Amino acid sequence: MTSSPRYLTSEIPPVPGVIKQRPEDFYVEELPAYEPCGEGEHLYLLIQKQDRTTLDVASDLARHFDVKRSAVGYAGLKDARAVTRQMFSVYLPGKDENSYGELHLQGAEVLWTDRHTNKLRRGHLKGNRFVIRLRDVQLAHVIQTEEVMRILEKKGVPNRFGPQRFGMRGNNDLLGRLLLLNDARGFINALLGPDEIHPDDCPESRAAFAAGDYRKALNLLPRSRKTESRVLKMLASGRRPKQAVKAMDDATGRL
């Protein structure tokens, strides 16, 4: 944090520290817009996850209950490198959830389940509660921290946008525009190619893509880059750009 008019607490000196060293340093709890009524065709599950994306868990639920991904609902996407609690719904008309056997989720656990009459959809939440641990804070800065908290408690926390909306490279707006323009080749180049304006942590993979070696680019890509991996696999198998773009997860494309 720097002393700048763009910060709500700019008159207070910065408080140096380290965030998100561990997943448990960032806790997010979803605040539901309503509670399940106890009956209906949709199974609601409150799930706590760690080091998993919302889409990962949704896919696991779809596989376990043998339904399409579209049958699984959630109110919003939660951070992967964090401990998060959120509700999911699964459309199971006339079916007993216990008939599918015990549910095992990698990196996640079901806290409770209930039934409701409708699918959980985007925006079906009041908000999110956060617990953020700031490490390596010097004792001398505690007073400044308390002053900052008093201001935030009184005025609220600004809703600022960063990597969560604009992506790790800060170019989600460009990617979205190219999708709207139906420019598959331009989208793929922006997603996978090198870019001096929007650098990131896998330059070797991007250089291989620019050289036309899609298989090498895929092998050099971090495992966490699932969207890029899906597109590269399609390109490496000889698919055309429009076909490769369609390999993206639908929810990712909508975001």
Protein backbone atom coordinates (compact mmCIF):
# COMPACT_ATOMS: atom_id res chain seq x y z
CA MET A 1 0.00 0.00 0.00
CA THR A 2 1.31 3.42 -0.87
CA SER A 3 0.29 6.88 0.33
CA SER A 4 -1.97 7.97 -2.51
CA PRO A 5 -5.34 9.76 -2.80
CA ARG A 6 -6.78 6.65 -4.45
CA TYR A 7 -6.72 4.85 -1.10
CA LEU A 8 -9.46 5.43 1.47
CA THR A 9 -6.81 5.50 4.22
CA SER A 10 -4.15 7.42 2.28
CA GLU A 11 -3.47 9.75 5.23
CA ILE A 12 -2.16 6.80 7.28
CA PRO A 13 1.36 5.47 6.55
CA PRO A 14 1.51 2.02 4.89
CA VAL A 15 1.54 -1.13 7.01
CA PRO A 16 4.17 -3.50 5.52
CA GLY A 17 3.34 -7.19 5.62
CA VAL A 18 2.87 -10.37 3.61
CA ILE A 19 -0.49 -11.79 2.51
CA LYS A 20 -1.52 -15.22 1.19
CA GLN A 21 1.65 -17.08 2.16
CA ARG A 22 -0.58 -20.08 2.85
CA PRO A 23 -4.11 -20.94 1.69
CA GLU A 24 -5.44 -20.58 5.24
CA ASP A 25 -4.24 -16.96 5.29
CA PHE A 26 -7.21 -16.05 3.10
CA TYR A 27 -10.64 -17.24 4.25
CA VAL A 28 -13.87 -16.49 2.39
CA GLU A 29 -17.34 -17.39 3.61
CA GLU A 30 -20.31 -16.92 1.33
CA LEU A 31 -23.35 -15.20 2.85
CA PRO A 32 -26.45 -16.80 1.27
CA ALA A 33 -29.37 -14.77 0.00
CA TYR A 34 -31.76 -17.41 1.39
CA GLU A 35 -31.73 -20.75 3.20
CA PRO A 36 -32.93 -24.00 1.61
CA CYS A 37 -36.52 -24.80 2.60
CA GLY A 38 -35.96 -28.53 3.20
CA GLU A 39 -37.77 -29.93 0.17
CA GLY A 40 -37.55 -29.78 -3.61
CA GLU A 41 -35.72 -31.26 -6.59
CA HIS A 42 -32.41 -29.49 -5.93
CA LEU A 43 -29.84 -30.79 -3.45
CA TYR A 44 -27.99 -27.97 -1.68
CA LEU A 45 -24.50 -28.65 -0.31
CA LEU A 46 -22.44 -26.29 1.83
CA ILE A 47 -18.84 -27.09 0.93
CA GLN A 48 -15.52 -25.93 2.35
CA LYS A 49 -12.65 -26.18 -0.10
CA GLN A 50 -8.93 -25.42 -0.20
CA ASP A 51 -6.65 -25.09 -3.23
CA ARG A 52 -9.59 -25.94 -5.52
CA THR A 53 -11.55 -23.68 -7.82
CA THR A 54 -15.33 -23.44 -7.75
CA LEU A 55 -15.41 -24.97 -11.24
CA ASP A 56 -13.27 -27.91 -10.06
CA VAL A 57 -15.75 -28.74 -7.31
CA ALA A 58 -18.73 -28.27 -9.65
CA SER A 59 -17.19 -30.79 -12.06
CA ASP A 60 -16.59 -33.26 -9.22
CA LEU A 61 -20.22 -32.97 -8.12
CA ALA A 62 -21.47 -33.50 -11.67
CA ARG A 63 -19.36 -36.66 -12.00
CA HIS A 64 -20.45 -38.08 -8.64
CA PHE A 65 -24.17 -37.54 -9.23
CA ASP A 66 -23.91 -38.46 -12.93
CA VAL A 67 -25.45 -35.21 -14.17
CA LYS A 68 -24.43 -32.57 -16.67
CA ARG A 69 -22.35 -29.65 -15.46
CA SER A 70 -25.32 -27.40 -16.19
CA ALA A 71 -27.26 -29.23 -13.46
CA VAL A 72 -24.82 -27.90 -10.84
CA GLY A 73 -25.37 -24.38 -9.56
CA TYR A 74 -23.40 -21.90 -7.47
CA ALA A 75 -23.78 -18.25 -6.55
CA GLY A 76 -20.29 -17.10 -7.50
CA LEU A 77 -16.67 -18.07 -8.08
CA LYS A 78 -14.42 -18.27 -5.04
CA ASP A 79 -10.63 -18.03 -4.80
CA ALA A 80 -8.63 -21.22 -5.35
CA ARG A 81 -5.59 -20.42 -3.20
CA ALA A 82 -7.66 -19.92 -0.08
CA VAL A 83 -10.00 -21.65 2.34
CA THR A 84 -13.54 -20.91 1.17
CA ARG A 85 -17.07 -21.91 2.09
CA GLN A 86 -19.84 -21.75 -0.45
CA MET A 87 -23.12 -23.36 -1.43
CA PHE A 88 -23.65 -25.60 -4.44
CA SER A 89 -26.87 -27.05 -5.81
CA VAL A 90 -27.40 -30.23 -7.86
CA TYR A 91 -30.60 -30.94 -9.79
CA LEU A 92 -31.76 -34.42 -8.72
CA PRO A 93 -35.47 -34.71 -9.56
CA GLY A 94 -37.03 -37.80 -8.00
CA LYS A 95 -33.63 -39.13 -6.93
CA ASP A 96 -32.18 -39.93 -3.52
CA GLU A 97 -28.72 -38.45 -3.11
CA ASN A 98 -27.73 -41.35 -0.83
CA SER A 99 -28.17 -43.82 -3.70
CA TYR A 100 -25.00 -42.46 -5.33
CA GLY A 101 -22.74 -43.67 -2.54
CA GLU A 102 -20.42 -41.66 -0.33
CA LEU A 103 -19.27 -38.37 -1.79
CA HIS A 104 -15.49 -37.85 -1.79
CA LEU A 105 -14.16 -34.49 -2.91
CA GLN A 106 -10.47 -33.75 -3.38
CA GLY A 107 -9.44 -30.78 -1.26
CA ALA A 108 -13.00 -30.18 -0.11
CA GLU A 109 -15.58 -31.43 2.37
CA VAL A 110 -19.35 -31.25 2.62
CA LEU A 111 -20.44 -29.51 5.83
CA TRP A 112 -24.19 -30.13 5.41
CA THR A 113 -26.85 -30.78 2.80
CA ASP A 114 -30.51 -29.87 2.38
CA ARG A 115 -33.16 -29.63 -0.32
CA HIS A 116 -34.66 -26.62 -2.08
CA THR A 117 -37.08 -25.81 -4.90
CA ASN A 118 -34.77 -23.91 -7.27
CA LYS A 119 -31.28 -24.03 -8.71
CA LEU A 120 -28.63 -21.85 -7.09
CA ARG A 121 -27.70 -19.22 -9.65
CA ARG A 122 -25.12 -16.46 -10.04
CA GLY A 123 -25.83 -13.62 -7.66
CA HIS A 124 -27.89 -15.68 -5.19
CA LEU A 125 -25.88 -14.35 -2.25
CA LYS A 126 -25.87 -11.36 0.08
CA GLY A 127 -22.10 -11.03 -0.07
CA ASN A 128 -18.89 -12.59 1.24
CA ARG A 129 -17.21 -12.49 4.62
CA PHE A 130 -13.39 -12.36 4.55
CA VAL A 131 -10.72 -13.17 7.12
CA ILE A 132 -7.30 -12.08 5.84
CA ARG A 133 -4.11 -12.80 7.76
CA LEU A 134 -1.28 -10.29 7.33
CA ARG A 135 2.06 -11.83 8.32
CA ASP A 136 5.39 -10.29 9.33
CA VAL A 137 3.82 -7.12 10.68
CA GLN A 138 6.12 -5.24 13.04
CA LEU A 139 4.77 -4.37 16.47
CA ALA A 140 5.36 -0.67 15.78
CA HIS A 141 2.77 -0.79 12.99
CA VAL A 142 -0.05 -2.22 15.08
CA ILE A 143 -1.39 1.22 15.99
CA GLN A 144 -1.55 2.17 12.29
CA THR A 145 -3.40 -1.06 11.59
CA GLU A 146 -5.98 -0.23 14.25
CA GLU A 147 -6.47 3.24 12.76
CA VAL A 148 -7.02 1.76 9.31
CA MET A 149 -9.56 -0.72 10.68
CA ARG A 150 -11.52 2.03 12.45
CA ILE A 151 -11.87 3.93 9.16
CA LEU A 152 -12.89 0.84 7.22
CA GLU A 153 -15.44 -0.16 9.88
CA LYS A 154 -16.99 3.29 9.66
CA LYS A 155 -16.90 3.87 5.88
CA GLY A 156 -16.78 0.35 4.48
CA VAL A 157 -14.26 -1.29 2.16
CA PRO A 158 -14.06 -0.04 -1.46
CA ASN A 159 -14.94 -2.64 -4.07
CA ARG A 160 -11.68 -2.62 -6.01
CA PHE A 161 -11.02 -4.73 -9.08
CA GLY A 162 -7.73 -6.42 -9.83
CA PRO A 163 -6.52 -9.87 -10.96
CA GLN A 164 -9.82 -11.46 -9.87
CA ARG A 165 -11.63 -9.65 -12.68
CA PHE A 166 -8.90 -8.67 -15.12
CA GLY A 167 -6.89 -11.90 -14.85
CA MET A 168 -3.33 -12.64 -13.78
CA ARG A 169 -2.01 -10.86 -16.88
CA GLY A 170 -4.48 -7.99 -16.63
CA ASN A 171 -5.92 -8.57 -20.11
CA ASN A 172 -9.29 -10.23 -19.51
CA ASP A 173 -10.95 -7.15 -20.98
CA LEU A 174 -9.03 -7.68 -24.24
CA LEU A 175 -9.84 -11.40 -24.28
CA GLY A 176 -13.53 -10.68 -23.72
CA ARG A 177 -13.59 -8.14 -26.56
CA LEU A 178 -11.99 -10.64 -28.96
CA LEU A 179 -14.58 -13.26 -28.01
CA LEU A 180 -17.39 -10.79 -28.66
CA LEU A 181 -15.84 -9.98 -32.04
CA ASN A 182 -15.69 -13.73 -32.79
CA ASP A 183 -11.96 -13.36 -33.46
CA ALA A 184 -10.78 -16.84 -32.51
CA ARG A 185 -7.23 -16.42 -33.82
CA GLY A 186 -6.80 -13.07 -32.09
CA PHE A 187 -8.19 -14.51 -28.86
CA ILE A 188 -5.79 -17.46 -28.94
CA ASN A 189 -2.81 -15.22 -29.65
CA ALA A 190 -3.74 -12.96 -26.71
CA LEU A 191 -4.38 -15.93 -24.42
CA LEU A 192 -1.27 -17.98 -25.23
CA GLY A 193 1.26 -15.70 -26.90
CA PRO A 194 3.97 -13.43 -25.44
CA ASP A 195 3.02 -9.88 -24.61
CA GLU A 196 5.37 -7.17 -23.29
CA ILE A 197 2.44 -5.19 -21.89
CA HIS A 198 0.94 -8.19 -20.08
CA PRO A 199 3.85 -10.43 -18.98
CA ASP A 200 3.40 -13.43 -16.68
CA ASP A 201 5.23 -16.40 -15.15
CA CYS A 202 5.41 -18.77 -18.14
CA PRO A 203 7.42 -16.99 -20.88
CA GLU A 204 8.96 -20.25 -22.13
CA SER A 205 5.54 -21.71 -22.90
CA ARG A 206 4.47 -18.53 -24.68
CA ALA A 207 7.66 -18.46 -26.74
CA ALA A 208 7.03 -22.07 -27.82
CA PHE A 209 3.48 -21.15 -28.83
CA ALA A 210 4.76 -18.21 -30.89
CA ALA A 211 7.16 -20.62 -32.63
CA GLY A 212 4.25 -22.89 -33.53
CA ASP A 213 5.28 -25.74 -31.20
CA TYR A 214 1.96 -26.27 -29.43
CA ARG A 215 2.97 -29.56 -27.80
CA LYS A 216 6.06 -28.00 -26.23
CA ALA A 217 4.05 -24.98 -25.14
CA LEU A 218 1.60 -27.33 -23.42
CA ASN A 219 4.37 -29.24 -21.63
CA LEU A 220 5.93 -26.00 -20.36
CA LEU A 221 2.63 -24.60 -19.09
CA PRO A 222 1.98 -24.66 -15.31
CA ARG A 223 -0.66 -27.20 -14.32
CA SER A 224 -2.78 -24.46 -12.80
CA ARG A 225 -3.42 -22.89 -16.24
CA LYS A 226 -6.39 -25.09 -17.12
CA THR A 227 -8.02 -22.82 -19.68
CA GLU A 228 -4.77 -22.37 -21.60
CA SER A 229 -4.14 -26.14 -21.38
CA ARG A 230 -7.51 -26.99 -22.90
CA VAL A 231 -6.96 -24.65 -25.83
CA LEU A 232 -3.37 -25.83 -26.41
CA LYS A 233 -4.42 -29.50 -26.40
CA MET A 234 -6.90 -28.77 -29.16
CA LEU A 235 -4.33 -26.88 -31.21
CA ALA A 236 -1.74 -29.63 -30.70
CA SER A 237 -4.25 -32.18 -32.03
CA GLY A 238 -4.67 -30.17 -35.23
CA ARG A 239 -7.96 -28.42 -34.44
CA ARG A 240 -8.77 -25.04 -35.94
CA PRO A 241 -8.78 -21.88 -33.75
CA LYS A 242 -12.59 -21.73 -33.50
CA GLN A 243 -12.70 -25.36 -32.39
CA ALA A 244 -9.93 -24.73 -29.85
CA VAL A 245 -11.78 -21.76 -28.34
CA LYS A 246 -14.88 -23.93 -27.88
CA ALA A 247 -12.81 -26.24 -25.66
CA MET A 248 -12.89 -23.57 -22.96
CA ASP A 249 -15.10 -24.15 -19.96
CA ASP A 250 -18.47 -22.45 -20.55
CA ALA A 251 -18.36 -20.69 -17.18
CA THR A 252 -14.90 -19.31 -17.94
CA GLY A 253 -16.11 -17.96 -21.26
CA ARG A 254 -19.08 -16.25 -19.60
CA LEU A 255 -16.80 -14.67 -17.00
